[in-house]
Protein backbone atom coordinates (compact mmCIF):
# COMPACT_ATOMS: atom_id res chain seq x y z
CA MET A 1 0.05 -0.03 0.00
CA VAL A 2 1.23 3.47 -0.91
CA LYS A 3 2.20 5.58 2.06
CA GLU A 4 -0.45 8.39 1.43
CA ALA A 5 -3.23 5.84 1.04
CA LEU A 6 -2.14 4.07 4.28
CA LEU A 7 -2.09 7.34 6.26
CA LYS A 8 -5.55 8.32 4.86
CA LYS A 9 -6.92 4.90 5.77
CA PHE A 10 -5.47 5.17 9.31
CA GLY A 11 -7.10 8.70 9.51
CA GLN A 12 -10.46 7.33 8.58
CA ARG A 13 -9.99 4.58 11.30
CA LEU A 14 -9.18 7.23 13.94
CA ILE A 15 -12.25 9.31 12.96
CA LYS A 16 -14.47 6.21 13.30
CA LEU A 17 -13.09 5.24 16.70
CA ARG A 18 -13.22 8.91 17.96
CA GLU A 19 -16.75 9.35 16.75
CA GLU A 20 -17.94 6.05 18.20
CA ARG A 21 -16.88 7.32 21.63
CA GLY A 22 -18.65 10.59 21.16
CA LEU A 23 -15.43 12.55 21.25
CA SER A 24 -14.62 15.80 19.32
CA GLN A 25 -11.19 16.34 17.95
CA SER A 26 -10.58 18.77 20.86
CA ASP A 27 -11.72 16.08 23.30
CA LEU A 28 -9.24 13.58 21.85
CA ALA A 29 -6.52 16.07 21.74
CA ARG A 30 -7.02 16.92 25.48
CA LEU A 31 -7.17 13.25 26.45
CA SER A 32 -4.05 12.40 24.45
CA GLY A 33 -1.92 15.38 25.30
CA LYS A 34 -1.96 16.68 21.67
CA ASP A 35 -3.32 19.83 20.18
CA ARG A 36 -6.48 19.69 18.03
CA GLN A 37 -4.56 20.64 14.93
CA ASN A 38 -2.29 17.52 15.34
CA ILE A 39 -5.40 15.33 15.64
CA TYR A 40 -6.80 17.08 12.38
CA ARG A 41 -3.61 16.38 10.52
CA ILE A 42 -3.45 12.71 11.52
CA GLU A 43 -7.15 12.21 10.59
CA LYS A 44 -6.59 13.83 7.18
CA GLY A 45 -3.57 11.62 6.47
CA LEU A 46 -1.18 14.63 6.50
CA LEU A 47 0.83 13.44 9.46
CA ASN A 48 2.61 10.18 10.05
CA PRO A 49 2.23 9.47 13.84
CA THR A 50 5.00 8.00 15.79
CA LEU A 51 4.69 4.83 17.80
CA PHE A 52 4.65 6.99 21.03
CA GLN A 53 1.81 9.11 19.45
CA LEU A 54 -0.08 5.98 18.62
CA THR A 55 0.24 4.81 22.12
CA GLU A 56 -1.09 8.04 23.52
CA LEU A 57 -4.04 7.95 21.12
CA ALA A 58 -4.76 4.40 22.02
CA GLU A 59 -4.71 5.15 25.69
CA ALA A 60 -7.01 8.10 25.20
CA LEU A 61 -9.52 5.97 23.38
CA LYS A 62 -9.09 3.15 25.88
CA ILE A 63 -8.04 0.58 23.29
CA SER A 64 -4.79 -1.26 22.40
CA VAL A 65 -2.39 0.06 19.77
CA THR A 66 -3.19 -3.13 17.84
CA GLU A 67 -6.94 -2.26 17.74
CA LEU A 68 -6.04 1.43 16.81
CA VAL A 69 -3.99 0.47 13.81
CA ASN A 70 -6.31 -2.42 12.57
CA ILE A 71 -7.05 -0.96 9.19
CA GLU A 72 -7.95 -4.01 7.16
């Protein structure tokens, strides 16, 4: 899979998980220690999150990193 397509697919996954929990981008940003713009960029596929950032997002969503990155 091409990098850009993978990042977009992950962004869509993050949106789905966030919305399932009734969270706004601002809510997720606050819970994960990120700023809202960072969440926006990840969701749009413009930012390639690090493993540490993935861990913070997973903790904020109360799921495992494995579940977070499951984009099949």
